[in-house]
């Protein structure tokens, strides 16, 4: 995950909140989770609240891993969407990212991405 790579240091897991993927099928969600396996850490489908319930949030709002959330999806066309997402490690270690995804050869690729906010 190239944007703000410092947040990736020593991460023990990647939690992806698939509940924010409103129109995604279970197969879509599984594809998202599978994609992140390339980072060689545990991948889980969790929200901040569920991580907290499992005792995985320390010092009130700090994680040993990353929490990824998709906040907004805008469909531009059948072959282009814009997503706004966040990458969270702690209250002082989080970024917002805006990505343009394009469909090429039946696969979605990231055409561009830029940081939209930082904490």
N, C-alpha and C. Protein backbone atom coordinates (compact mmCIF):
# COMPACT_ATOMS: atom_id res chain seq x y z
N UNK A 1 0.84 -1.16 0.00
CA UNK A 1 0.00 0.00 0.00
C UNK A 1 0.90 1.23 0.00
N UNK A 2 1.10 1.78 -1.17
CA UNK A 2 2.12 2.79 -1.34
C UNK A 2 1.84 4.15 -0.69
N UNK A 3 0.61 4.52 -0.46
CA UNK A 3 0.37 5.84 0.13
C UNK A 3 0.60 5.78 1.63
N UNK A 4 1.45 6.67 2.11
CA UNK A 4 1.89 6.75 3.51
C UNK A 4 2.35 5.39 4.01
N UNK A 5 3.42 4.90 3.39
CA UNK A 5 3.94 3.57 3.71
C UNK A 5 4.40 3.44 5.16
N UNK A 6 4.68 4.55 5.83
CA UNK A 6 5.07 4.49 7.23
C UNK A 6 4.02 3.83 8.10
N UNK A 7 2.76 3.94 7.70
CA UNK A 7 1.68 3.30 8.46
C UNK A 7 1.77 1.78 8.38
N UNK A 8 2.47 1.26 7.37
CA UNK A 8 2.59 -0.19 7.16
C UNK A 8 3.64 -0.83 8.07
N UNK A 9 4.54 -0.02 8.66
CA UNK A 9 5.65 -0.56 9.46
C UNK A 9 5.16 -1.48 10.55
N UNK A 10 5.73 -2.67 10.59
CA UNK A 10 5.44 -3.65 11.64
C UNK A 10 3.97 -4.01 11.79
N UNK A 11 3.19 -3.86 10.71
CA UNK A 11 1.77 -4.21 10.83
C UNK A 11 1.64 -5.71 10.98
N UNK A 12 0.77 -6.12 11.88
CA UNK A 12 0.57 -7.53 12.14
C UNK A 12 -0.65 -8.08 11.40
N UNK A 13 -1.52 -7.19 10.93
CA UNK A 13 -2.72 -7.61 10.21
C UNK A 13 -3.26 -6.45 9.39
N UNK A 14 -4.15 -6.77 8.48
CA UNK A 14 -4.93 -5.78 7.75
C UNK A 14 -6.39 -6.13 7.98
N UNK A 15 -7.11 -5.21 8.59
CA UNK A 15 -8.55 -5.37 8.79
C UNK A 15 -9.25 -4.53 7.72
N UNK A 16 -10.20 -5.15 7.05
CA UNK A 16 -10.94 -4.46 6.00
C UNK A 16 -12.41 -4.47 6.41
N UNK A 17 -12.97 -3.29 6.51
CA UNK A 17 -14.37 -3.17 6.90
C UNK A 17 -15.23 -3.31 5.66
N UNK A 18 -15.62 -4.55 5.33
CA UNK A 18 -16.42 -4.77 4.12
C UNK A 18 -17.88 -4.34 4.29
N UNK A 19 -18.28 -4.01 5.51
CA UNK A 19 -19.66 -3.56 5.73
C UNK A 19 -19.93 -2.24 5.03
N UNK A 20 -18.88 -1.50 4.69
CA UNK A 20 -19.06 -0.24 3.99
C UNK A 20 -19.24 -0.45 2.48
N UNK A 21 -19.08 -1.68 2.01
CA UNK A 21 -19.25 -2.00 0.60
C UNK A 21 -20.71 -2.36 0.35
N UNK A 22 -21.56 -1.35 0.31
CA UNK A 22 -23.01 -1.54 0.32
C UNK A 22 -23.56 -2.43 -0.80
N UNK A 23 -23.08 -2.27 -2.01
CA UNK A 23 -23.64 -3.02 -3.13
C UNK A 23 -22.79 -4.21 -3.54
N UNK A 24 -21.80 -4.53 -2.74
CA UNK A 24 -20.90 -5.64 -3.08
C UNK A 24 -21.54 -6.97 -2.68
N UNK A 25 -21.31 -7.97 -3.52
CA UNK A 25 -21.77 -9.32 -3.20
C UNK A 25 -20.74 -9.97 -2.27
N UNK A 26 -21.08 -11.10 -1.70
CA UNK A 26 -20.12 -11.84 -0.87
C UNK A 26 -18.89 -12.22 -1.69
N UNK A 27 -19.08 -12.54 -2.96
CA UNK A 27 -17.95 -12.88 -3.84
C UNK A 27 -17.05 -11.66 -4.04
N UNK A 28 -17.66 -10.49 -4.21
CA UNK A 28 -16.88 -9.25 -4.35
C UNK A 28 -16.03 -9.01 -3.10
N UNK A 29 -16.66 -9.17 -1.94
CA UNK A 29 -15.95 -8.95 -0.68
C UNK A 29 -14.80 -9.93 -0.52
N UNK A 30 -15.04 -11.18 -0.91
CA UNK A 30 -13.98 -12.20 -0.82
C UNK A 30 -12.81 -11.82 -1.73
N UNK A 31 -13.12 -11.31 -2.92
CA UNK A 31 -12.07 -10.88 -3.86
C UNK A 31 -11.22 -9.77 -3.24
N UNK A 32 -11.86 -8.82 -2.58
CA UNK A 32 -11.13 -7.72 -1.92
C UNK A 32 -10.21 -8.29 -0.85
N UNK A 33 -10.73 -9.17 0.00
CA UNK A 33 -9.92 -9.75 1.07
C UNK A 33 -8.75 -10.56 0.50
N UNK A 34 -8.99 -11.31 -0.56
CA UNK A 34 -7.95 -12.12 -1.19
C UNK A 34 -6.83 -11.25 -1.76
N UNK A 35 -7.19 -10.11 -2.33
CA UNK A 35 -6.21 -9.21 -2.95
C UNK A 35 -5.12 -8.82 -1.95
N UNK A 36 -5.49 -8.56 -0.71
CA UNK A 36 -4.53 -8.05 0.28
C UNK A 36 -3.64 -9.14 0.88
N UNK A 37 -3.87 -10.40 0.54
CA UNK A 37 -3.03 -11.48 1.05
C UNK A 37 -1.58 -11.34 0.58
N UNK A 38 -1.35 -10.56 -0.45
CA UNK A 38 0.00 -10.38 -0.97
C UNK A 38 0.92 -9.66 0.03
N UNK A 39 0.35 -9.08 1.07
CA UNK A 39 1.15 -8.37 2.07
C UNK A 39 1.66 -9.29 3.18
N UNK A 40 1.36 -10.57 3.12
CA UNK A 40 1.89 -11.58 4.05
C UNK A 40 1.61 -11.28 5.52
N UNK A 41 0.43 -10.79 5.80
CA UNK A 41 -0.05 -10.62 7.17
C UNK A 41 -1.47 -11.17 7.21
N UNK A 42 -1.99 -11.35 8.41
CA UNK A 42 -3.36 -11.83 8.55
C UNK A 42 -4.33 -10.81 7.97
N UNK A 43 -5.28 -11.28 7.19
CA UNK A 43 -6.32 -10.43 6.60
C UNK A 43 -7.64 -10.79 7.27
N UNK A 44 -8.36 -9.78 7.73
CA UNK A 44 -9.63 -10.04 8.40
C UNK A 44 -10.69 -9.03 8.00
N UNK A 45 -11.92 -9.45 8.07
CA UNK A 45 -13.08 -8.60 7.79
C UNK A 45 -13.59 -8.07 9.12
N UNK A 46 -13.15 -6.87 9.48
CA UNK A 46 -13.51 -6.29 10.78
C UNK A 46 -13.69 -4.79 10.67
N UNK A 47 -14.51 -4.25 11.55
CA UNK A 47 -14.66 -2.80 11.69
C UNK A 47 -13.86 -2.35 12.91
N UNK A 48 -13.75 -1.05 13.11
CA UNK A 48 -13.06 -0.55 14.30
C UNK A 48 -13.76 -1.05 15.55
N UNK A 49 -15.09 -1.02 15.52
CA UNK A 49 -15.87 -1.44 16.68
C UNK A 49 -15.64 -2.91 17.01
N UNK A 50 -15.60 -3.76 15.98
CA UNK A 50 -15.39 -5.18 16.24
C UNK A 50 -13.95 -5.45 16.69
N UNK A 51 -12.99 -4.69 16.19
CA UNK A 51 -11.60 -4.83 16.67
C UNK A 51 -11.54 -4.44 18.15
N UNK A 52 -12.27 -3.40 18.51
CA UNK A 52 -12.31 -2.94 19.90
C UNK A 52 -12.92 -4.02 20.80
N UNK A 53 -14.03 -4.62 20.35
CA UNK A 53 -14.68 -5.68 21.12
C UNK A 53 -13.77 -6.88 21.33
N UNK A 54 -12.87 -7.13 20.40
CA UNK A 54 -11.94 -8.26 20.49
C UNK A 54 -10.65 -7.90 21.24
N UNK A 55 -10.58 -6.68 21.77
CA UNK A 55 -9.40 -6.26 22.52
C UNK A 55 -8.20 -5.94 21.66
N UNK A 56 -8.44 -5.63 20.39
CA UNK A 56 -7.34 -5.37 19.47
C UNK A 56 -7.02 -3.88 19.32
N UNK A 57 -7.75 -3.04 20.02
CA UNK A 57 -7.47 -1.60 20.02
C UNK A 57 -6.78 -1.28 21.32
N UNK A 58 -5.61 -0.65 21.22
CA UNK A 58 -4.86 -0.32 22.43
C UNK A 58 -4.76 1.20 22.57
N UNK A 59 -4.53 1.65 23.78
CA UNK A 59 -4.39 3.08 24.06
C UNK A 59 -5.54 3.89 23.46
N UNK A 60 -6.73 3.40 23.57
CA UNK A 60 -7.99 4.01 23.12
C UNK A 60 -8.21 4.00 21.60
N UNK A 61 -7.15 4.21 20.79
CA UNK A 61 -7.40 4.25 19.34
C UNK A 61 -6.17 3.89 18.51
N UNK A 62 -5.41 2.92 18.95
CA UNK A 62 -4.20 2.52 18.24
C UNK A 62 -4.28 1.03 17.89
N UNK A 63 -3.80 0.68 16.70
CA UNK A 63 -3.85 -0.69 16.23
C UNK A 63 -2.44 -1.23 15.97
N UNK A 64 -2.29 -2.55 16.07
CA UNK A 64 -1.05 -3.21 15.66
C UNK A 64 -1.07 -3.53 14.17
N UNK A 65 -2.15 -3.21 13.53
CA UNK A 65 -2.31 -3.45 12.09
C UNK A 65 -2.95 -2.23 11.45
N UNK A 66 -3.55 -2.44 10.31
CA UNK A 66 -4.22 -1.38 9.57
C UNK A 66 -5.71 -1.68 9.47
N UNK A 67 -6.50 -0.63 9.47
CA UNK A 67 -7.93 -0.74 9.19
C UNK A 67 -8.19 0.03 7.91
N UNK A 68 -8.72 -0.66 6.91
CA UNK A 68 -9.06 -0.04 5.63
C UNK A 68 -10.58 0.05 5.52
N UNK A 69 -11.04 1.22 5.12
CA UNK A 69 -12.49 1.44 4.95
C UNK A 69 -12.75 2.17 3.65
N UNK A 70 -13.78 1.76 2.93
CA UNK A 70 -14.23 2.52 1.77
C UNK A 70 -15.37 3.39 2.25
N UNK A 71 -15.17 4.70 2.11
CA UNK A 71 -16.14 5.66 2.61
C UNK A 71 -17.20 6.03 1.58
N UNK A 72 -16.78 6.08 0.30
CA UNK A 72 -17.70 6.55 -0.74
C UNK A 72 -17.28 5.97 -2.08
N UNK A 73 -18.26 5.61 -2.91
CA UNK A 73 -18.01 5.12 -4.26
C UNK A 73 -18.88 5.92 -5.23
N UNK A 74 -18.25 6.51 -6.23
CA UNK A 74 -18.98 7.23 -7.28
C UNK A 74 -18.75 6.53 -8.60
N UNK A 75 -19.84 6.07 -9.20
CA UNK A 75 -19.74 5.41 -10.49
C UNK A 75 -19.75 6.49 -11.58
N UNK A 76 -18.67 6.57 -12.33
CA UNK A 76 -18.58 7.53 -13.42
C UNK A 76 -19.16 6.90 -14.69
N UNK A 77 -18.81 5.63 -14.90
CA UNK A 77 -19.34 4.86 -16.04
C UNK A 77 -19.22 3.38 -15.67
N UNK A 78 -19.61 2.51 -16.59
CA UNK A 78 -19.48 1.07 -16.33
C UNK A 78 -18.01 0.65 -16.21
N UNK A 79 -17.11 1.50 -16.69
CA UNK A 79 -15.69 1.15 -16.70
C UNK A 79 -14.83 2.08 -15.85
N UNK A 80 -15.45 2.96 -15.08
CA UNK A 80 -14.66 3.88 -14.25
C UNK A 80 -15.44 4.25 -12.99
N UNK A 81 -14.75 4.13 -11.84
CA UNK A 81 -15.33 4.56 -10.57
C UNK A 81 -14.29 5.34 -9.78
N UNK A 82 -14.78 6.16 -8.89
CA UNK A 82 -13.91 6.89 -7.97
C UNK A 82 -14.28 6.44 -6.57
N UNK A 83 -13.27 6.03 -5.80
CA UNK A 83 -13.53 5.63 -4.42
C UNK A 83 -12.76 6.54 -3.48
N UNK A 84 -13.39 6.82 -2.36
CA UNK A 84 -12.73 7.53 -1.28
C UNK A 84 -12.62 6.55 -0.13
N UNK A 85 -11.40 6.35 0.35
CA UNK A 85 -11.18 5.35 1.38
C UNK A 85 -10.22 5.90 2.43
N UNK A 86 -10.08 5.14 3.51
CA UNK A 86 -9.16 5.55 4.58
C UNK A 86 -8.29 4.38 5.00
N UNK A 87 -7.12 4.74 5.48
CA UNK A 87 -6.12 3.79 5.98
C UNK A 87 -5.79 4.27 7.39
N UNK A 88 -6.18 3.47 8.40
CA UNK A 88 -6.09 3.90 9.80
C UNK A 88 -5.13 3.01 10.58
N UNK A 89 -4.24 3.63 11.33
CA UNK A 89 -3.36 2.91 12.25
C UNK A 89 -3.58 3.43 13.67
N UNK A 90 -3.81 4.75 13.79
CA UNK A 90 -4.08 5.36 15.09
C UNK A 90 -4.69 6.73 14.84
N UNK A 91 -5.08 7.39 15.93
CA UNK A 91 -5.65 8.72 15.80
C UNK A 91 -4.69 9.72 15.16
N UNK A 92 -3.42 9.49 15.33
CA UNK A 92 -2.40 10.36 14.73
C UNK A 92 -1.70 9.69 13.56
N UNK A 93 -2.23 8.60 13.09
CA UNK A 93 -1.65 7.86 11.97
C UNK A 93 -2.73 7.33 11.07
N UNK A 94 -3.28 8.20 10.25
CA UNK A 94 -4.34 7.80 9.33
C UNK A 94 -4.31 8.73 8.11
N UNK A 95 -4.77 8.21 6.99
CA UNK A 95 -4.84 9.00 5.77
C UNK A 95 -6.13 8.69 5.03
N UNK A 96 -6.60 9.67 4.29
CA UNK A 96 -7.69 9.47 3.36
C UNK A 96 -7.13 9.44 1.96
N UNK A 97 -7.69 8.60 1.11
CA UNK A 97 -7.17 8.43 -0.25
C UNK A 97 -8.35 8.46 -1.23
N UNK A 98 -8.13 9.14 -2.32
CA UNK A 98 -9.11 9.16 -3.41
C UNK A 98 -8.47 8.45 -4.59
N UNK A 99 -9.15 7.40 -5.09
CA UNK A 99 -8.61 6.58 -6.18
C UNK A 99 -9.58 6.56 -7.36
N UNK A 100 -9.01 6.59 -8.55
CA UNK A 100 -9.77 6.38 -9.77
C UNK A 100 -9.45 4.97 -10.24
N UNK A 101 -10.49 4.14 -10.36
CA UNK A 101 -10.33 2.77 -10.84
C UNK A 101 -10.95 2.66 -12.23
N UNK A 102 -10.23 1.98 -13.10
CA UNK A 102 -10.73 1.77 -14.46
C UNK A 102 -10.75 0.27 -14.75
N UNK A 103 -11.74 -0.14 -15.49
CA UNK A 103 -11.87 -1.55 -15.85
C UNK A 103 -11.20 -1.77 -17.20
N UNK A 104 -10.20 -2.66 -17.17
CA UNK A 104 -9.49 -3.01 -18.40
C UNK A 104 -9.40 -4.53 -18.47
N UNK A 105 -9.83 -5.10 -19.58
CA UNK A 105 -9.82 -6.56 -19.76
C UNK A 105 -10.56 -7.27 -18.63
N UNK A 106 -11.71 -6.73 -18.23
CA UNK A 106 -12.56 -7.29 -17.18
C UNK A 106 -11.93 -7.27 -15.79
N UNK A 107 -10.89 -6.46 -15.58
CA UNK A 107 -10.26 -6.32 -14.27
C UNK A 107 -10.19 -4.85 -13.90
N UNK A 108 -10.44 -4.56 -12.63
CA UNK A 108 -10.32 -3.19 -12.15
C UNK A 108 -8.87 -2.91 -11.80
N UNK A 109 -8.35 -1.79 -12.30
CA UNK A 109 -6.99 -1.38 -11.97
C UNK A 109 -7.04 0.05 -11.40
N UNK A 110 -6.07 0.37 -10.57
CA UNK A 110 -5.98 1.74 -10.03
C UNK A 110 -5.32 2.60 -11.09
N UNK A 111 -6.07 3.56 -11.61
CA UNK A 111 -5.55 4.46 -12.63
C UNK A 111 -4.76 5.59 -11.98
N UNK A 112 -5.27 6.10 -10.85
CA UNK A 112 -4.57 7.14 -10.11
C UNK A 112 -5.05 7.13 -8.67
N UNK A 113 -4.20 7.62 -7.78
CA UNK A 113 -4.60 7.76 -6.38
C UNK A 113 -3.85 8.94 -5.78
N UNK A 114 -4.52 9.61 -4.86
CA UNK A 114 -3.88 10.73 -4.18
C UNK A 114 -4.42 10.84 -2.77
N UNK A 115 -3.57 11.32 -1.88
CA UNK A 115 -3.97 11.51 -0.50
C UNK A 115 -4.91 12.71 -0.42
N UNK A 116 -6.01 12.55 0.29
CA UNK A 116 -6.98 13.65 0.41
C UNK A 116 -6.98 14.28 1.79
N UNK A 117 -6.49 13.56 2.81
CA UNK A 117 -6.32 14.11 4.15
C UNK A 117 -5.33 13.26 4.93
N UNK A 118 -4.81 13.82 6.00
CA UNK A 118 -3.85 13.11 6.85
C UNK A 118 -4.07 13.54 8.30
N UNK A 119 -3.86 12.60 9.23
CA UNK A 119 -3.95 12.98 10.65
C UNK A 119 -2.66 12.63 11.34
